[in-house]
Amino acid sequence: MTPATQQHILPTSAAPSLVQLWSLCGEKKTGLIFGKMVQKKNLFEELKHQLKNGSMTNRLVIINICVFLCIHLLFAIGKINGANSIEQLVPKIFTLDATLMGSLFKPWGFLTSIFSHFGLMHIIYNLIFLYFAGNLFERYFNARMLLIIYLFGGLAGGLSEVLSATFFFPDDFHVVLGASGSIMAIFAALAFYSPNTKVYLFGVLPIRLFILALFFFAKDLIGIGDTSDNTAHFAHLGGALFGVLAMQNLHTPKNILTKLNRVLLSIQSEVKKFSSPKVNEKKVKTDEEYNYEKKTKQDKTDRILDKISKSGYDSLTKEEKDFLFNQSKNA
């Protein structure tokens, strides 16, 4: 997460195959590969498939790219139409004000900023890092845990940047955006959980996770107070701290991810109650409830019959007549 460009990268690359390039042409095609008929999806079908069935890492990468394109589409519309209001609106929606009052008036920035990037190199660096850190995380944990640590790691990073800027650097007004805080949370969690796992920089240079994590930690620690690099170092450190805390008391009710998952599940349940159509479902009565209700109705019926025997049917009220009629139907 950074006000501008940030240099976190886990460099490695994989050139797309001819089959992958062919599949982006916009047509469905069927080819014979190793004796099997394979249907190739166009770009939009593949994106739809990944968002629905792909790994959580792929989904997060796609969402970040879509937000990036949306931001620059709005910028382009604003420039073409000469509408400065649109260009001014974009930062208000997609960035987080690094001041306490600013963030209180724009609370959505805590969420939108962790999916937003303005610079091309910024998003490329972050998404390369996210792709490899996220896929490695999903080898050890499930997709839901990755989503939780991405969201709340990013929120922790944003809160850290807001508090540090408010109390330590009140004269340095800036806005924050980028997935770096979330990515640092994922990476720190990995480094704490499996410190001796080796990753290969540039595909050839082996290095253990904890060494790489220490390097990033030192880099952000040294960078504190240096506003010239346009990097939100406190956001990185806050995200990393959340990642470490997320690995404490793992697989126990005390674990922070377990608690947050319960909160999200309860929110999901409430949302479903309001969004799904209500179905009239009869509550199954217990034996005690059934017997009590039956006795109550029988006592009322006996009182009405006694009233009829003493004063005649015409002495009954409308409510008593209706009750007696309904009881006779259910008998």
C-alpha atoms as a PDB file:
ATOM      1  CA  MET A   1       0.000   0.000   0.000  1.00  0.00           C
ATOM      2  CA  THR A   2       1.519   3.250  -1.065  1.00  0.00           C
ATOM      3  CA  PRO A   3       0.699   6.801  -2.069  1.00  0.00           C
ATOM      4  CA  ALA A   4       2.430   6.260  -5.384  1.00  0.00           C
ATOM      5  CA  THR A   5       4.877   3.644  -6.650  1.00  0.00           C
ATOM      6  CA  GLN A   6       6.171   0.922  -4.392  1.00  0.00           C
ATOM      7  CA  GLN A   7       8.977  -1.492  -5.092  1.00  0.00           C
ATOM      8  CA  HIS A   8       7.982  -4.750  -3.412  1.00  0.00           C
ATOM      9  CA  ILE A   9       8.517  -7.557  -5.895  1.00  0.00           C
ATOM     10  CA  LEU A  10       9.152 -11.218  -5.990  1.00  0.00           C
ATOM     11  CA  PRO A  11      10.515 -11.299  -9.541  1.00  0.00           C
ATOM     12  CA  THR A  12       9.823 -14.312 -11.641  1.00  0.00           C
ATOM     13  CA  SER A  13       8.041 -14.739 -14.889  1.00  0.00           C
ATOM     14  CA  ALA A  14       6.374 -17.314 -17.037  1.00  0.00           C
ATOM     15  CA  ALA A  15       5.910 -16.650 -20.737  1.00  0.00           C
ATOM     16  CA  PRO A  16       2.397 -17.450 -21.987  1.00  0.00           C
ATOM     17  CA  SER A  17       2.129 -20.447 -24.244  1.00  0.00           C
ATOM     18  CA  LEU A  18       0.828 -20.246 -27.812  1.00  0.00           C
ATOM     19  CA  VAL A  19      -2.291 -22.062 -26.652  1.00  0.00           C
ATOM     20  CA  GLN A  20      -2.929 -19.360 -24.011  1.00  0.00           C
ATOM     21  CA  LEU A  21      -2.375 -16.561 -26.516  1.00  0.00           C
ATOM     22  CA  TRP A  22      -4.631 -18.284 -29.028  1.00  0.00           C
ATOM     23  CA  SER A  23      -7.386 -18.567 -26.434  1.00  0.00           C
ATOM     24  CA  LEU A  24      -7.502 -14.785 -26.028  1.00  0.00           C
ATOM     25  CA  CYS A  25      -8.493 -14.146 -29.633  1.00  0.00           C
ATOM     26  CA  GLY A  26     -12.180 -13.724 -28.779  1.00  0.00           C
ATOM     27  CA  GLU A  27     -13.503 -16.898 -30.415  1.00  0.00           C
ATOM     28  CA  LYS A  28     -14.220 -20.334 -29.102  1.00  0.00           C
ATOM     29  CA  LYS A  29     -11.917 -22.755 -30.836  1.00  0.00           C
ATOM     30  CA  THR A  30     -11.345 -26.447 -30.505  1.00  0.00           C
ATOM     31  CA  GLY A  31      -7.931 -27.956 -31.061  1.00  0.00           C
ATOM     32  CA  LEU A  32      -6.321 -31.364 -30.811  1.00  0.00           C
ATOM     33  CA  ILE A  33      -3.708 -31.335 -28.037  1.00  0.00           C
ATOM     34  CA  PHE A  34      -1.961 -34.601 -27.174  1.00  0.00           C
ATOM     35  CA  GLY A  35      -4.806 -36.549 -28.742  1.00  0.00           C
ATOM     36  CA  LYS A  36      -7.560 -34.779 -26.761  1.00  0.00           C
ATOM     37  CA  MET A  37     -10.140 -32.312 -27.966  1.00  0.00           C
ATOM     38  CA  VAL A  38      -9.736 -29.096 -25.979  1.00  0.00           C
ATOM     39  CA  GLN A  39     -12.137 -26.160 -26.142  1.00  0.00           C
ATOM     40  CA  LYS A  40     -10.404 -22.829 -25.690  1.00  0.00           C
ATOM     41  CA  LYS A  41     -12.244 -20.008 -23.928  1.00  0.00           C
ATOM     42  CA  ASN A  42     -12.019 -16.388 -24.916  1.00  0.00           C
ATOM     43  CA  LEU A  43     -10.783 -13.793 -22.436  1.00  0.00           C
ATOM     44  CA  PHE A  44     -14.155 -12.917 -20.926  1.00  0.00           C
ATOM     45  CA  GLU A  45     -15.186 -16.550 -20.521  1.00  0.00           C
ATOM     46  CA  GLU A  46     -11.877 -17.322 -18.828  1.00  0.00           C
ATOM     47  CA  LEU A  47     -12.250 -14.353 -16.455  1.00  0.00           C
ATOM     48  CA  LYS A  48     -15.789 -15.446 -15.605  1.00  0.00           C
ATOM     49  CA  HIS A  49     -14.582 -18.998 -15.007  1.00  0.00           C
ATOM     50  CA  GLN A  50     -11.723 -17.840 -12.766  1.00  0.00           C
ATOM     51  CA  LEU A  51     -13.963 -15.546 -10.715  1.00  0.00           C
ATOM     52  CA  LYS A  52     -16.423 -18.380 -10.171  1.00  0.00           C
ATOM     53  CA  ASN A  53     -14.176 -21.431  -9.897  1.00  0.00           C
ATOM     54  CA  GLY A  54     -10.573 -20.201  -9.742  1.00  0.00           C
ATOM     55  CA  SER A  55      -8.310 -19.991  -6.719  1.00  0.00           C
ATOM     56  CA  MET A  56      -8.777 -17.102  -4.305  1.00  0.00           C
ATOM     57  CA  THR A  57      -5.410 -15.743  -5.431  1.00  0.00           C
ATOM     58  CA  ASN A  58      -6.586 -15.574  -9.034  1.00  0.00           C
ATOM     59  CA  ARG A  59      -9.832 -13.909  -7.977  1.00  0.00           C
ATOM     60  CA  LEU A  60      -8.012 -11.230  -5.989  1.00  0.00           C
ATOM     61  CA  VAL A  61      -5.635 -10.562  -8.884  1.00  0.00           C
ATOM     62  CA  ILE A  62      -8.549 -10.219 -11.328  1.00  0.00           C
ATOM     63  CA  ILE A  63     -10.468  -7.900  -8.986  1.00  0.00           C
ATOM     64  CA  ASN A  64      -7.402  -5.664  -8.611  1.00  0.00           C
ATOM     65  CA  ILE A  65      -6.982  -5.511 -12.386  1.00  0.00           C
ATOM     66  CA  CYS A  66     -10.675  -4.719 -12.933  1.00  0.00           C
ATOM     67  CA  VAL A  67     -10.553  -1.899 -10.374  1.00  0.00           C
ATOM     68  CA  PHE A  68      -7.388  -0.542 -12.031  1.00  0.00           C
ATOM     69  CA  LEU A  69      -9.106  -0.509 -15.434  1.00  0.00           C
ATOM     70  CA  CYS A  70     -12.224   1.086 -13.955  1.00  0.00           C
ATOM     71  CA  ILE A  71     -10.142   3.858 -12.362  1.00  0.00           C
ATOM     72  CA  HIS A  72      -8.376   4.694 -15.609  1.00  0.00           C
ATOM     73  CA  LEU A  73     -11.608   4.486 -17.582  1.00  0.00           C
ATOM     74  CA  LEU A  74     -13.077   7.129 -15.278  1.00  0.00           C
ATOM     75  CA  PHE A  75      -9.940   9.247 -15.645  1.00  0.00           C
ATOM     76  CA  ALA A  76     -10.200   8.950 -19.441  1.00  0.00           C
ATOM     77  CA  ILE A  77     -13.885   9.920 -19.456  1.00  0.00           C
ATOM     78  CA  GLY A  78     -13.080  12.915 -17.288  1.00  0.00           C
ATOM     79  CA  LYS A  79     -10.316  14.100 -19.615  1.00  0.00           C
ATOM     80  CA  ILE A  80     -12.337  13.587 -22.799  1.00  0.00           C
ATOM     81  CA  ASN A  81     -15.363  15.438 -21.450  1.00  0.00           C
ATOM     82  CA  GLY A  82     -13.291  18.003 -19.605  1.00  0.00           C
ATOM     83  CA  ALA A  83     -15.124  16.977 -16.453  1.00  0.00           C
ATOM     84  CA  ASN A  84     -12.774  17.763 -13.607  1.00  0.00           C
ATOM     85  CA  SER A  85     -15.455  16.584 -11.208  1.00  0.00           C
ATOM     86  CA  ILE A  86     -14.949  12.983 -12.372  1.00  0.00           C
ATOM     87  CA  GLU A  87     -11.171  13.174 -11.983  1.00  0.00           C
ATOM     88  CA  GLN A  88     -11.629  14.634  -8.508  1.00  0.00           C
ATOM     89  CA  LEU A  89     -14.199  11.984  -7.622  1.00  0.00           C
ATOM     90  CA  VAL A  90     -11.866   9.036  -8.323  1.00  0.00           C
ATOM     91  CA  PRO A  91      -9.436   9.721  -5.427  1.00  0.00           C
ATOM     92  CA  LYS A  92     -12.385  10.296  -3.095  1.00  0.00           C
ATOM     93  CA  ILE A  93     -13.725   6.827  -3.892  1.00  0.00           C
ATOM     94  CA  PHE A  94     -10.588   4.730  -4.287  1.00  0.00           C
ATOM     95  CA  THR A  95      -8.065   6.177  -1.817  1.00  0.00           C
ATOM     96  CA  LEU A  96      -7.736   6.390   1.955  1.00  0.00           C
ATOM     97  CA  ASP A  97      -7.034   9.763   3.559  1.00  0.00           C
ATOM     98  CA  ALA A  98      -4.053   9.329   5.892  1.00  0.00           C
ATOM     99  CA  THR A  99      -5.592  11.551   8.558  1.00  0.00           C
ATOM    100  CA  LEU A 100      -7.890  10.583  11.385  1.00  0.00           C
ATOM    101  CA  MET A 101     -10.634  13.046  10.449  1.00  0.00           C
ATOM    102  CA  GLY A 102     -10.288  12.359   6.724  1.00  0.00           C
ATOM    103  CA  SER A 103     -10.622   8.602   7.207  1.00  0.00           C
ATOM    104  CA  LEU A 104     -13.647   9.071   9.479  1.00  0.00           C
ATOM    105  CA  PHE A 105     -15.430  11.079   6.781  1.00  0.00           C
ATOM    106  CA  LYS A 106     -14.341   8.562   4.104  1.00  0.00           C
ATOM    107  CA  PRO A 107     -14.455   5.195   5.915  1.00  0.00           C
ATOM    108  CA  TRP A 108     -14.986   3.257   2.668  1.00  0.00           C
ATOM    109  CA  GLY A 109     -11.403   4.157   1.754  1.00  0.00           C
ATOM    110  CA  PHE A 110     -10.162   1.492   4.187  1.00  0.00           C
ATOM    111  CA  LEU A 111     -11.694  -1.123   1.869  1.00  0.00           C
ATOM    112  CA  THR A 112     -11.509   0.396  -1.616  1.00  0.00           C
ATOM    113  CA  SER A 113      -7.876   1.471  -1.257  1.00  0.00           C
ATOM    114  CA  ILE A 114      -6.609  -2.103  -0.835  1.00  0.00           C
ATOM    115  CA  PHE A 115      -7.863  -2.972  -4.325  1.00  0.00           C
ATOM    116  CA  SER A 116      -6.785   0.267  -6.014  1.00  0.00           C
ATOM    117  CA  HIS A 117      -3.682   1.303  -7.952  1.00  0.00           C
ATOM    118  CA  PHE A 118      -3.037   4.356 -10.106  1.00  0.00           C
ATOM    119  CA  GLY A 119       0.398   3.566 -11.571  1.00  0.00           C
ATOM    120  CA  LEU A 120       1.050   0.729 -14.024  1.00  0.00           C
ATOM    121  CA  MET A 121       4.336  -0.370 -12.426  1.00  0.00           C
ATOM    122  CA  HIS A 122       2.726  -0.175  -8.989  1.00  0.00           C
ATOM    123  CA  ILE A 123       0.026  -2.693  -9.872  1.00  0.00           C
ATOM    124  CA  ILE A 124       2.445  -4.935 -11.797  1.00  0.00           C
ATOM    125  CA  TYR A 125       4.848  -5.201  -8.847  1.00  0.00           C
ATOM    126  CA  ASN A 126       2.059  -5.748  -6.332  1.00  0.00           C
ATOM    127  CA  LEU A 127       0.199  -8.359  -8.361  1.00  0.00           C
ATOM    128  CA  ILE A 128       3.347 -10.359  -9.122  1.00  0.00           C
ATOM    129  CA  PHE A 129       4.018 -10.450  -5.389  1.00  0.00           C
ATOM    130  CA  LEU A 130       0.360 -11.264  -4.623  1.00  0.00           C
ATOM    131  CA  TYR A 131       0.259 -14.042  -7.210  1.00  0.00           C
ATOM    132  CA  PHE A 132       3.231 -15.934  -5.804  1.00  0.00           C
ATOM    133  CA  ALA A 133       2.603 -15.217  -2.112  1.00  0.00           C
ATOM    134  CA  GLY A 134      -1.103 -16.042  -2.479  1.00  0.00           C
ATOM    135  CA  ASN A 135      -0.534 -19.328  -4.288  1.00  0.00           C
ATOM    136  CA  LEU A 136       2.044 -20.353  -1.699  1.00  0.00           C
ATOM    137  CA  PHE A 137      -0.382 -19.432   1.099  1.00  0.00           C
ATOM    138  CA  GLU A 138      -3.099 -21.591  -0.467  1.00  0.00           C
ATOM    139  CA  ARG A 139      -0.800 -24.607  -0.317  1.00  0.00           C
ATOM    140  CA  TYR A 140      -1.036 -24.456   3.471  1.00  0.00           C
ATOM    141  CA  PHE A 141      -4.422 -22.833   4.105  1.00  0.00           C
ATOM    142  CA  ASN A 142      -7.832 -22.588   2.472  1.00  0.00           C
ATOM    143  CA  ALA A 143      -9.168 -19.840   0.229  1.00  0.00           C
ATOM    144  CA  ARG A 144     -11.352 -18.300   2.932  1.00  0.00           C
ATOM    145  CA  MET A 145      -8.359 -17.770   5.218  1.00  0.00           C
ATOM    146  CA  LEU A 146      -6.526 -16.043   2.370  1.00  0.00           C
ATOM    147  CA  LEU A 147      -9.474 -13.723   1.776  1.00  0.00           C
ATOM    148  CA  ILE A 148      -9.753 -12.867   5.476  1.00  0.00           C
ATOM    149  CA  ILE A 149      -6.049 -12.146   5.846  1.00  0.00           C
ATOM    150  CA  TYR A 150      -6.074 -10.051   2.650  1.00  0.00           C
ATOM    151  CA  LEU A 151      -9.029  -7.940   3.783  1.00  0.00           C
ATOM    152  CA  PHE A 152      -8.152  -7.478   7.427  1.00  0.00           C
ATOM    153  CA  GLY A 153      -4.410  -7.263   6.793  1.00  0.00           C
ATOM    154  CA  GLY A 154      -5.168  -4.410   4.411  1.00  0.00           C
ATOM    155  CA  LEU A 155      -7.466  -2.764   6.965  1.00  0.00           C
ATOM    156  CA  ALA A 156      -4.786  -3.093   9.653  1.00  0.00           C
ATOM    157  CA  GLY A 157      -2.242  -1.564   7.297  1.00  0.00           C
ATOM    158  CA  GLY A 158      -4.544   1.337   6.469  1.00  0.00           C
ATOM    159  CA  LEU A 159      -5.284   1.982  10.139  1.00  0.00           C
ATOM    160  CA  SER A 160      -1.551   1.911  10.966  1.00  0.00           C
ATOM    161  CA  GLU A 161      -0.827   4.486   8.264  1.00  0.00           C
ATOM    162  CA  VAL A 162      -3.674   6.749   9.402  1.00  0.00           C
ATOM    163  CA  LEU A 163      -2.639   6.668  13.068  1.00  0.00           C
ATOM    164  CA  SER A 164       1.067   7.153  12.350  1.00  0.00           C
ATOM    165  CA  ALA A 165       0.423  10.049   9.968  1.00  0.00           C
ATOM    166  CA  THR A 166      -2.002  11.674  12.412  1.00  0.00           C
ATOM    167  CA  PHE A 167       0.207  11.512  15.492  1.00  0.00           C
ATOM    168  CA  PHE A 168       3.773  11.443  14.120  1.00  0.00           C
ATOM    169  CA  PHE A 169       3.583  13.325  10.805  1.00  0.00           C
ATOM    170  CA  PRO A 170       0.574  15.675  11.053  1.00  0.00           C
ATOM    171  CA  ASP A 171       1.985  18.074   8.442  1.00  0.00           C
ATOM    172  CA  ASP A 172       2.459  15.367   5.819  1.00  0.00           C
ATOM    173  CA  PHE A 173      -0.977  15.042   4.240  1.00  0.00           C
ATOM    174  CA  HIS A 174      -1.258  12.207   1.748  1.00  0.00           C
ATOM    175  CA  VAL A 175      -3.648   9.574   0.528  1.00  0.00           C
ATOM    176  CA  VAL A 176      -2.950   5.861   0.522  1.00  0.00           C
ATOM    177  CA  LEU A 177      -3.791   3.164  -1.987  1.00  0.00           C
ATOM    178  CA  GLY A 178      -2.509  -0.214  -3.081  1.00  0.00           C
ATOM    179  CA  ALA A 179      -2.622  -3.863  -2.046  1.00  0.00           C
ATOM    180  CA  SER A 180       0.795  -3.789  -0.366  1.00  0.00           C
ATOM    181  CA  GLY A 181      -0.523  -3.883   3.212  1.00  0.00           C
ATOM    182  CA  SER A 182      -2.658  -6.923   2.386  1.00  0.00           C
ATOM    183  CA  ILE A 183       0.205  -8.627   0.566  1.00  0.00           C
ATOM    184  CA  MET A 184       2.609  -7.996   3.443  1.00  0.00           C
ATOM    185  CA  ALA A 185       0.065  -9.585   5.798  1.00  0.00           C
ATOM    186  CA  ILE A 186      -0.017 -12.709   3.612  1.00  0.00           C
ATOM    187  CA  PHE A 187       3.751 -12.814   3.268  1.00  0.00           C
ATOM    188  CA  ALA A 188       4.426 -12.236   6.985  1.00  0.00           C
ATOM    189  CA  ALA A 189       1.949 -14.991   7.884  1.00  0.00           C
ATOM    190  CA  LEU A 190       3.758 -17.364   5.526  1.00  0.00           C
ATOM    191  CA  ALA A 191       7.184 -16.426   6.874  1.00  0.00           C
ATOM    192  CA  PHE A 192       6.015 -16.953  10.459  1.00  0.00           C
ATOM    193  CA  TYR A 193       4.229 -20.233   9.716  1.00  0.00           C
ATOM    194  CA  SER A 194       6.921 -21.801   7.529  1.00  0.00           C
ATOM    195  CA  PRO A 195      10.112 -19.717   7.917  1.00  0.00           C
ATOM    196  CA  ASN A 196      12.466 -22.206   6.267  1.00  0.00           C
ATOM    197  CA  THR A 197      10.458 -22.624   3.070  1.00  0.00           C
ATOM    198  CA  LYS A 198      12.615 -21.690   0.096  1.00  0.00           C
ATOM    199  CA  VAL A 199      11.482 -19.424  -2.708  1.00  0.00           C
ATOM    200  CA  TYR A 200      13.460 -18.765  -5.859  1.00  0.00           C
ATOM    201  CA  LEU A 201      14.096 -15.173  -6.858  1.00  0.00           C
ATOM    202  CA  PHE A 202      14.328 -14.743 -10.611  1.00  0.00           C
ATOM    203  CA  GLY A 203      13.600 -18.468 -10.761  1.00  0.00           C
ATOM    204  CA  VAL A 204      17.186 -19.381  -9.808  1.00  0.00           C
ATOM    205  CA  LEU A 205      18.227 -17.746  -6.519  1.00  0.00           C
ATOM    206  CA  PRO A 206      17.011 -19.764  -3.485  1.00  0.00           C
ATOM    207  CA  ILE A 207      16.230 -17.810  -0.338  1.00  0.00           C
ATOM    208  CA  ARG A 208      14.343 -18.739   2.824  1.00  0.00           C
ATOM    209  CA  LEU A 209      11.099 -16.945   3.593  1.00  0.00           C
ATOM    210  CA  PHE A 210      12.201 -15.576   6.943  1.00  0.00           C
ATOM    211  CA  ILE A 211      15.282 -13.935   5.401  1.00  0.00           C
ATOM    212  CA  LEU A 212      13.152 -12.284   2.750  1.00  0.00           C
ATOM    213  CA  ALA A 213      10.672 -11.171   5.422  1.00  0.00           C
ATOM    214  CA  LEU A 214      13.479  -9.648   7.504  1.00  0.00           C
ATOM    215  CA  PHE A 215      14.703  -7.774   4.434  1.00  0.00           C
ATOM    216  CA  PHE A 216      11.269  -6.252   3.813  1.00  0.00           C
ATOM    217  CA  PHE A 217      10.871  -5.443   7.515  1.00  0.00           C
ATOM    218  CA  ALA A 218      14.245  -3.683   7.629  1.00  0.00           C
ATOM    219  CA  LYS A 219      13.483  -1.815   4.405  1.00  0.00           C
ATOM    220  CA  ASP A 220      10.225  -0.433   5.791  1.00  0.00           C
ATOM    221  CA  LEU A 221      11.752   0.330   9.178  1.00  0.00           C
ATOM    222  CA  ILE A 222      14.555   2.335   7.559  1.00  0.00           C
ATOM    223  CA  GLY A 223      12.080   4.078   5.269  1.00  0.00           C
ATOM    224  CA  ILE A 224       9.933   5.466   8.117  1.00  0.00           C
ATOM    225  CA  GLY A 225       9.955   9.232   7.999  1.00  0.00           C
ATOM    226  CA  ASP A 226      11.228   9.379   4.426  1.00  0.00           C
ATOM    227  CA  THR A 227       8.330  10.886   2.507  1.00  0.00           C
ATOM    228  CA  SER A 228      10.327  11.261  -0.693  1.00  0.00           C
ATOM    229  CA  ASP A 229       9.947   7.596  -1.679  1.00  0.00           C
ATOM    230  CA  ASN A 230       6.123   7.844  -1.758  1.00  0.00           C
ATOM    231  CA  THR A 231       5.772   4.578   0.149  1.00  0.00           C
ATOM    232  CA  ALA A 232       3.365   3.967   3.033  1.00  0.00           C
ATOM    233  CA  HIS A 233       5.823   2.105   5.258  1.00  0.00           C
ATOM    234  CA  PHE A 234       3.513   2.024   8.283  1.00  0.00           C
ATOM    235  CA  ALA A 235       0.840   0.364   6.141  1.00  0.00           C
ATOM    236  CA  HIS A 236       3.327  -2.383   5.259  1.00  0.00           C
ATOM    237  CA  LEU A 237       4.364  -2.826   8.892  1.00  0.00           C
ATOM    238  CA  GLY A 238       0.756  -2.833  10.105  1.00  0.00           C
ATOM    239  CA  GLY A 239      -0.191  -5.460   7.542  1.00  0.00           C
ATOM    240  CA  ALA A 240       2.839  -7.575   8.457  1.00  0.00           C
ATOM    241  CA  LEU A 241       1.972  -7.358  12.157  1.00  0.00           C
ATOM    242  CA  PHE A 242      -1.545  -8.585  11.435  1.00  0.00           C
ATOM    243  CA  GLY A 243      -0.109 -11.492   9.427  1.00  0.00           C
ATOM    244  CA  VAL A 244       2.050 -12.568  12.366  1.00  0.00           C
ATOM    245  CA  LEU A 245      -0.861 -12.249  14.820  1.00  0.00           C
ATOM    246  CA  ALA A 246      -3.029 -14.315  12.466  1.00  0.00           C
ATOM    247  CA  MET A 247      -0.679 -17.269  12.909  1.00  0.00           C
ATOM    248  CA  GLN A 248      -0.952 -17.244  16.720  1.00  0.00           C
ATOM    249  CA  ASN A 249      -3.032 -20.026  18.333  1.00  0.00           C
ATOM    250  CA  LEU A 250      -3.620 -21.491  14.890  1.00  0.00           C
ATOM    251  CA  HIS A 251      -6.549 -23.945  14.526  1.00  0.00           C
ATOM    252  CA  THR A 252      -7.945 -22.964  17.943  1.00  0.00           C
ATOM    253  CA  PRO A 253     -11.001 -20.870  18.904  1.00  0.00           C
ATOM    254  CA  LYS A 254      -8.607 -18.142  20.109  1.00  0.00           C
ATOM    255  CA  ASN A 255      -7.111 -17.632  16.653  1.00  0.00           C
ATOM    256  CA  ILE A 256      -7.888 -14.209  15.194  1.00  0.00           C
ATOM    257  CA  LEU A 257      -8.750 -15.660  11.765  1.00  0.00           C
ATOM    258  CA  THR A 258     -11.177 -18.104  13.381  1.00  0.00           C
ATOM    259  CA  LYS A 259     -12.886 -15.257  15.235  1.00  0.00           C
ATOM    260  CA  LEU A 260     -13.066 -13.064  12.142  1.00  0.00           C
ATOM    261  CA  ASN A 261     -14.452 -15.978  10.134  1.00  0.00           C
ATOM    262  CA  ARG A 262     -17.268 -16.368  12.671  1.00  0.00           C
ATOM    263  CA  VAL A 263     -18.046 -12.658  12.369  1.00  0.00           C
ATOM    264  CA  LEU A 264     -18.154 -12.870   8.566  1.00  0.00           C
ATOM    265  CA  LEU A 265     -20.355 -15.976   8.685  1.00  0.00           C
ATOM    266  CA  SER A 266     -22.837 -14.229  10.981  1.00  0.00           C
ATOM    267  CA  ILE A 267     -22.895 -11.200   8.655  1.00  0.00           C
ATOM    268  CA  GLN A 268     -23.458 -13.519   5.671  1.00  0.00           C
ATOM    269  CA  SER A 269     -26.305 -15.193   7.516  1.00  0.00           C
ATOM    270  CA  GLU A 270     -27.981 -11.851   8.271  1.00  0.00           C
ATOM    271  CA  VAL A 271     -27.564 -10.688   4.675  1.00  0.00           C
ATOM    272  CA  LYS A 272     -29.167 -13.907   3.405  1.00  0.00           C
ATOM    273  CA  LYS A 273     -32.138 -13.371   5.714  1.00  0.00           C
ATOM    274  CA  PHE A 274     -32.821  -9.966   4.177  1.00  0.00           C
ATOM    275  CA  SER A 275     -31.952 -10.829   0.580  1.00  0.00           C
ATOM    276  CA  SER A 276     -33.685 -14.208   0.229  1.00  0.00           C
ATOM    277  CA  PRO A 277     -37.496 -14.328  -0.101  1.00  0.00           C
ATOM    278  CA  LYS A 278     -39.226 -15.244   3.103  1.00  0.00           C
ATOM    279  CA  VAL A 279     -40.837 -18.665   3.144  1.00  0.00           C
ATOM    280  CA  ASN A 280     -43.652 -19.427   5.530  1.00  0.00           C
ATOM    281  CA  GLU A 281     -42.405 -22.340   7.516  1.00  0.00           C
ATOM    282  CA  LYS A 282     -44.485 -23.850  10.285  1.00  0.00           C
ATOM    283  CA  LYS A 283     -42.600 -24.229  13.510  1.00  0.00           C
ATOM    284  CA  VAL A 284     -42.559 -27.816  14.763  1.00  0.00           C
ATOM    285  CA  LYS A 285     -44.162 -27.855  18.194  1.00  0.00           C
ATOM    286  CA  THR A 286     -42.847 -29.834  21.128  1.00  0.00           C
ATOM    287  CA  ASP A 287     -45.114 -32.358  22.874  1.00  0.00           C
ATOM    288  CA  GLU A 288     -45.539 -29.959  25.804  1.00  0.00           C
ATOM    289  CA  GLU A 289     -46.537 -27.077  23.507  1.00  0.00           C
ATOM    290  CA  TYR A 290     -48.964 -29.287  21.558  1.00  0.00           C
ATOM    291  CA  ASN A 291     -50.641 -30.693  24.684  1.00  0.00           C
ATOM    292  CA  TYR A 292     -50.922 -27.245  26.289  1.00  0.00           C
ATOM    293  CA  GLU A 293     -52.492 -25.746  23.165  1.00  0.00           C
ATOM    294  CA  LYS A 294     -54.889 -28.697  22.836  1.00  0.00           C
ATOM    295  CA  LYS A 295     -56.020 -28.396  26.466  1.00  0.00           C
ATOM    296  CA  THR A 296     -56.475 -24.619  26.160  1.00  0.00           C
ATOM    297  CA  LYS A 297     -58.687 -25.013  23.092  1.00  0.00           C
ATOM    298  CA  GLN A 298     -60.673 -27.814  24.701  1.00  0.00           C
ATOM    299  CA  ASP A 299     -61.303 -25.744  27.840  1.00  0.00           C
ATOM    300  CA  LYS A 300     -62.502 -22.830  25.707  1.00  0.00           C
ATOM    301  CA  THR A 301     -64.761 -25.158  23.706  1.00  0.00           C
ATOM    302  CA  ASP A 302     -66.280 -26.552  26.926  1.00  0.00           C
ATOM    303  CA  ARG A 303     -67.005 -23.034  28.211  1.00  0.00           C
ATOM    304  CA  ILE A 304     -68.744 -22.098  24.947  1.00  0.00           C
ATOM    305  CA  LEU A 305     -70.842 -25.294  24.996  1.00  0.00           C
ATOM    306  CA  ASP A 306     -71.852 -24.599  28.608  1.00  0.00           C
ATOM    307  CA  LYS A 307     -72.897 -21.097  27.558  1.00  0.00           C
ATOM    308  CA  ILE A 308     -75.020 -22.537  24.728  1.00  0.00           C
ATOM    309  CA  SER A 309     -76.728 -25.004  27.081  1.00  0.00           C
ATOM    310  CA  LYS A 310     -77.592 -22.193  29.501  1.00  0.00           C
ATOM    311  CA  SER A 311     -78.399 -19.265  27.190  1.00  0.00           C
ATOM    312  CA  GLY A 312     -78.675 -20.675  23.680  1.00  0.00           C
ATOM    313  CA  TYR A 313     -76.548 -20.311  20.544  1.00  0.00           C
ATOM    314  CA  ASP A 314     -77.603 -16.731  19.874  1.00  0.00           C
ATOM    315  CA  SER A 315     -75.954 -15.621  23.123  1.00  0.00           C
ATOM    316  CA  LEU A 316     -72.493 -16.334  21.662  1.00  0.00           C
ATOM    317  CA  THR A 317     -70.280 -13.527  20.427  1.00  0.00           C
ATOM    318  CA  LYS A 318     -68.999 -13.506  16.839  1.00  0.00           C
ATOM    319  CA  GLU A 319     -65.525 -14.513  18.053  1.00  0.00           C
ATOM    320  CA  GLU A 320     -66.985 -17.476  19.983  1.00  0.00           C
ATOM    321  CA  LYS A 321     -69.049 -18.581  16.977  1.00  0.00           C
ATOM    322  CA  ASP A 322     -65.997 -18.408  14.694  1.00  0.00           C
ATOM    323  CA  PHE A 323     -63.913 -20.348  17.195  1.00  0.00           C
ATOM    324  CA  LEU A 324     -66.550 -23.055  17.525  1.00  0.00           C
ATOM    325  CA  PHE A 325     -66.900 -23.277  13.734  1.00  0.00           C
ATOM    326  CA  ASN A 326     -63.137 -23.680  13.262  1.00  0.00           C
ATOM    327  CA  GLN A 327     -62.968 -26.316  15.970  1.00  0.00           C
ATOM    328  CA  SER A 328     -65.751 -28.310  14.315  1.00  0.00           C
ATOM    329  CA  LYS A 329     -63.782 -28.261  11.017  1.00  0.00           C
ATOM    330  CA  ASN A 330     -60.624 -29.512  12.735  1.00  0.00           C
ATOM    331  CA  ALA A 331     -62.390 -32.197  14.697  1.00  0.00           C
END
